[in-house]
């Protein structure tokens, strides 16, 4: 059985470990499934200004700022919906379960892995390109500014997510964000789907304030 399916574990039973879950037998594919934080930082420090440069002159400054804000808002909703309805999709179809585990389930199995706390470029870039084409098709050249806001939101999301797992986050806001996300991992994985815009969990009724892990049932029996 391929490593991807043989190591699948129910997300109802999170495991506190930092050992890497191997996803592919092929070494090249395995390397492409991880990313070092330095690589992430350098790439997006260059890519975000380039997006702004491509869109330069399409709209005036105030309109550009407004479109960036729209893109940020769109990202926060995308972030919530993606995490809740795609990353935690429950299905009996083995290929779909395998894809979900590849995208997100492995993170629940090993949430402390520092090289899988950020989305690798082979996954993020095709999605970004699709979003850019869609926004350009809807709004023309002005869509690039919406896209810039969307991608700024994505980078803030990924950095925040990485920080929740790897940094102490002792500030008031940091503590609030980290507590919110840790409850998703170690209290109830069916709650607290937002990472940055955590108010959406309150809006959509999926926020948990409990510090006690909920008792659930898997095929192996009850989980405490």
Protein backbone atom coordinates (compact mmCIF):
# COMPACT_ATOMS: atom_id res chain seq x y z
CA UNK A 1 0.00 0.00 0.00
CA UNK A 2 1.41 3.46 -0.90
CA UNK A 3 2.67 5.52 2.08
CA UNK A 4 -0.06 8.11 1.47
CA UNK A 5 -2.87 5.67 2.20
CA UNK A 6 -1.09 3.33 4.58
CA UNK A 7 -0.34 6.15 7.03
CA UNK A 8 -3.77 7.75 6.97
CA UNK A 9 -5.14 8.35 10.45
CA UNK A 10 -8.55 9.77 11.37
CA UNK A 11 -8.47 13.50 12.06
CA UNK A 12 -10.70 12.79 15.04
CA UNK A 13 -7.59 11.52 16.86
CA UNK A 14 -4.84 14.14 16.55
CA UNK A 15 -1.37 12.99 17.49
CA UNK A 16 1.17 15.28 19.14
CA UNK A 17 4.32 14.40 17.28
CA UNK A 18 6.90 16.19 15.19
CA UNK A 19 8.21 13.23 13.17
CA UNK A 20 7.55 13.70 9.46
CA UNK A 21 4.81 11.67 7.82
CA UNK A 22 6.18 10.35 4.54
CA UNK A 23 3.76 10.98 1.67
CA UNK A 24 5.62 9.61 -1.36
CA UNK A 25 8.07 6.80 -2.04
CA UNK A 26 9.59 8.92 -4.79
CA UNK A 27 12.29 11.14 -3.27
CA UNK A 28 11.70 14.01 -5.69
CA UNK A 29 7.99 14.15 -4.95
CA UNK A 30 8.69 13.88 -1.23
CA UNK A 31 11.07 16.85 -1.37
CA UNK A 32 8.50 18.87 -3.29
CA UNK A 33 5.97 18.25 -0.51
CA UNK A 34 7.95 20.30 2.02
CA UNK A 35 9.23 23.86 2.10
CA UNK A 36 11.73 25.62 4.33
CA UNK A 37 10.45 28.85 5.92
CA UNK A 38 13.40 30.76 4.41
CA UNK A 39 12.45 29.64 0.91
CA UNK A 40 8.85 30.66 1.53
CA UNK A 41 9.88 34.09 2.85
CA UNK A 42 12.30 34.87 0.00
CA UNK A 43 9.91 33.74 -2.73
CA UNK A 44 6.90 35.73 -1.53
CA UNK A 45 9.01 38.78 -0.64
CA UNK A 46 9.82 38.92 -4.35
CA UNK A 47 6.49 37.66 -5.77
CA UNK A 48 4.14 40.09 -4.00
CA UNK A 49 5.90 43.26 -5.25
CA UNK A 50 6.03 41.71 -8.73
CA UNK A 51 2.26 41.27 -8.70
CA UNK A 52 1.91 44.95 -7.80
CA UNK A 53 4.34 45.89 -10.57
CA UNK A 54 2.32 43.92 -13.13
CA UNK A 55 -0.87 45.74 -12.11
CA UNK A 56 0.77 49.17 -11.88
CA UNK A 57 -1.14 51.84 -13.82
CA UNK A 58 -4.30 49.79 -14.27
CA UNK A 59 -6.14 51.87 -11.65
CA UNK A 60 -5.39 54.92 -9.53
CA UNK A 61 -3.85 54.56 -6.07
CA UNK A 62 -7.07 54.84 -4.06
CA UNK A 63 -8.90 52.37 -6.28
CA UNK A 64 -5.93 50.03 -6.03
CA UNK A 65 -6.01 50.15 -2.23
CA UNK A 66 -9.76 49.49 -2.27
CA UNK A 67 -9.30 46.50 -4.56
CA UNK A 68 -6.52 45.14 -2.35
CA UNK A 69 -8.93 45.36 0.59
CA UNK A 70 -11.53 43.46 -1.44
CA UNK A 71 -8.96 40.78 -2.19
CA UNK A 72 -8.07 40.48 1.49
CA UNK A 73 -11.74 40.04 2.39
CA UNK A 74 -12.20 37.43 -0.34
CA UNK A 75 -9.17 35.56 0.98
CA UNK A 76 -10.53 35.37 4.53
CA UNK A 77 -13.73 33.74 3.26
CA UNK A 78 -11.76 31.44 0.96
CA UNK A 79 -9.49 30.46 3.87
CA UNK A 80 -12.46 29.54 6.04
CA UNK A 81 -14.38 27.67 3.34
CA UNK A 82 -11.29 25.81 2.10
CA UNK A 83 -10.40 24.60 5.58
CA UNK A 84 -13.90 23.68 6.65
CA UNK A 85 -15.42 22.20 3.52
CA UNK A 86 -12.44 20.87 1.56
CA UNK A 87 -9.67 20.04 4.02
CA UNK A 88 -12.16 18.37 6.40
CA UNK A 89 -14.39 16.79 3.80
CA UNK A 90 -15.63 13.38 4.95
CA UNK A 91 -15.96 10.78 2.22
CA UNK A 92 -15.80 7.02 1.75
CA UNK A 93 -14.01 7.36 -1.62
CA UNK A 94 -10.43 6.22 -1.03
CA UNK A 95 -8.85 8.42 -3.77
CA UNK A 96 -10.55 11.52 -2.38
CA UNK A 97 -9.58 10.60 1.17
CA UNK A 98 -6.01 10.17 -0.03
CA UNK A 99 -6.03 13.60 -1.67
CA UNK A 100 -7.41 15.22 1.49
CA UNK A 101 -4.76 13.49 3.56
CA UNK A 102 -2.12 14.70 1.14
CA UNK A 103 -3.41 18.29 1.38
CA UNK A 104 -4.21 18.50 5.08
CA UNK A 105 -4.67 15.24 6.96
CA UNK A 106 -0.93 14.67 7.28
CA UNK A 107 -0.71 18.02 9.09
CA UNK A 108 -3.15 16.77 11.72
CA UNK A 109 -1.11 13.59 12.06
CA UNK A 110 2.11 15.55 12.61
CA UNK A 111 1.16 19.17 13.43
CA UNK A 112 4.62 20.07 14.70
CA UNK A 113 6.49 19.36 11.47
CA UNK A 114 8.27 22.67 10.70
CA UNK A 115 8.65 21.89 6.98
CA UNK A 116 4.96 21.19 6.42
CA UNK A 117 3.57 24.18 8.29
CA UNK A 118 3.65 26.24 5.09
CA UNK A 119 2.16 25.34 1.72
CA UNK A 120 4.86 24.17 -0.72
CA UNK A 121 5.18 26.14 -3.95
CA UNK A 122 4.16 23.24 -6.26
CA UNK A 123 0.77 23.34 -4.50
CA UNK A 124 0.31 27.08 -3.96
CA UNK A 125 1.44 28.37 -7.37
CA UNK A 126 -1.09 26.49 -9.56
CA UNK A 127 -3.90 27.61 -7.25
CA UNK A 128 -2.61 31.20 -7.33
CA UNK A 129 -2.40 31.15 -11.13
CA UNK A 130 -5.98 29.87 -11.39
CA UNK A 131 -7.26 32.60 -9.06
CA UNK A 132 -5.34 35.28 -10.98
CA UNK A 133 -6.79 34.15 -14.32
CA UNK A 134 -10.30 34.07 -12.85
CA UNK A 135 -9.99 37.57 -11.39
CA UNK A 136 -8.48 38.92 -14.61
CA UNK A 137 -11.35 37.40 -16.54
CA UNK A 138 -13.89 39.01 -14.19
CA UNK A 139 -12.33 42.46 -13.72
CA UNK A 140 -9.69 42.84 -16.42
CA UNK A 141 -6.39 44.44 -15.47
CA UNK A 142 -7.94 45.75 -12.23
CA UNK A 143 -8.31 42.13 -11.15
CA UNK A 144 -4.56 42.05 -10.55
CA UNK A 145 -5.03 44.37 -7.57
CA UNK A 146 -7.73 42.13 -6.14
CA UNK A 147 -5.35 39.24 -6.66
CA UNK A 148 -2.58 41.11 -4.84
CA UNK A 149 -4.86 41.52 -1.81
CA UNK A 150 -5.84 37.86 -2.04
CA UNK A 151 -2.20 36.74 -2.05
CA UNK A 152 -1.23 39.11 0.77
CA UNK A 153 -4.03 37.45 2.73
CA UNK A 154 -2.67 34.03 1.83
CA UNK A 155 0.86 34.88 2.97
CA UNK A 156 -0.45 36.32 6.25
CA UNK A 157 -2.50 33.16 6.72
CA UNK A 158 0.41 30.81 6.12
CA UNK A 159 2.79 32.80 8.32
CA UNK A 160 0.18 32.92 11.10
CA UNK A 161 -0.46 29.21 10.78
CA UNK A 162 3.26 28.45 10.92
CA UNK A 163 3.66 30.72 13.94
CA UNK A 164 0.80 29.00 15.79
CA UNK A 165 2.72 25.72 15.61
CA UNK A 166 6.33 26.89 15.87
CA UNK A 167 6.47 30.15 17.86
CA UNK A 168 5.48 31.04 21.40
CA UNK A 169 3.24 33.96 20.30
CA UNK A 170 3.16 35.67 23.69
CA UNK A 171 1.44 38.89 22.63
CA UNK A 172 -2.26 39.38 23.29
CA UNK A 173 -3.25 38.93 19.65
CA UNK A 174 -0.77 36.10 19.13
CA UNK A 175 -2.04 34.22 22.17
CA UNK A 176 -5.63 34.62 20.95
CA UNK A 177 -4.80 33.31 17.47
CA UNK A 178 -2.73 30.41 18.76
CA UNK A 179 -5.33 29.35 21.33
CA UNK A 180 -8.02 29.46 18.64
CA UNK A 181 -6.06 27.20 16.31
CA UNK A 182 -4.78 24.80 18.96
CA UNK A 183 -8.38 24.14 19.98
CA UNK A 184 -9.00 23.08 16.38
CA UNK A 185 -6.15 20.56 16.56
CA UNK A 186 -6.38 19.25 20.11
CA UNK A 187 -9.94 19.91 21.32
CA UNK A 188 -12.37 19.63 18.41
CA UNK A 189 -11.29 19.40 14.78
CA UNK A 190 -14.86 20.28 13.70
CA UNK A 191 -14.48 23.82 15.02
CA UNK A 192 -12.21 26.88 14.74
CA UNK A 193 -11.50 26.61 11.02
CA UNK A 194 -10.33 30.20 10.54
CA UNK A 195 -6.65 30.94 11.11
CA UNK A 196 -6.37 34.71 10.65
CA UNK A 197 -9.93 36.07 10.39
CA UNK A 198 -11.17 34.10 13.39
CA UNK A 199 -14.40 36.08 13.57
CA UNK A 200 -15.80 33.94 10.73
CA UNK A 201 -16.07 31.01 13.15
CA UNK A 202 -18.39 33.13 15.28
CA UNK A 203 -20.36 34.29 12.22
CA UNK A 204 -20.83 30.74 10.89
CA UNK A 205 -21.34 29.06 14.26
CA UNK A 206 -18.19 26.93 14.29
CA UNK A 207 -16.26 28.58 17.11
CA UNK A 208 -15.26 26.58 20.17
CA UNK A 209 -14.23 28.18 23.45
CA UNK A 210 -13.82 24.86 25.23
CA UNK A 211 -10.45 23.69 26.52
CA UNK A 212 -11.66 20.09 26.98
CA UNK A 213 -11.22 17.68 24.12
CA UNK A 214 -14.54 16.38 22.87
CA UNK A 215 -15.27 12.68 22.94
CA UNK A 216 -15.84 11.33 19.45
CA UNK A 217 -16.17 7.92 17.85
CA UNK A 218 -14.08 6.45 15.05
CA UNK A 219 -14.08 3.04 13.38
CA UNK A 220 -11.65 1.93 16.08
CA UNK A 221 -13.96 3.00 18.89
CA UNK A 222 -14.40 6.02 21.15
CA UNK A 223 -11.71 8.65 21.29
CA UNK A 224 -11.19 10.62 24.48
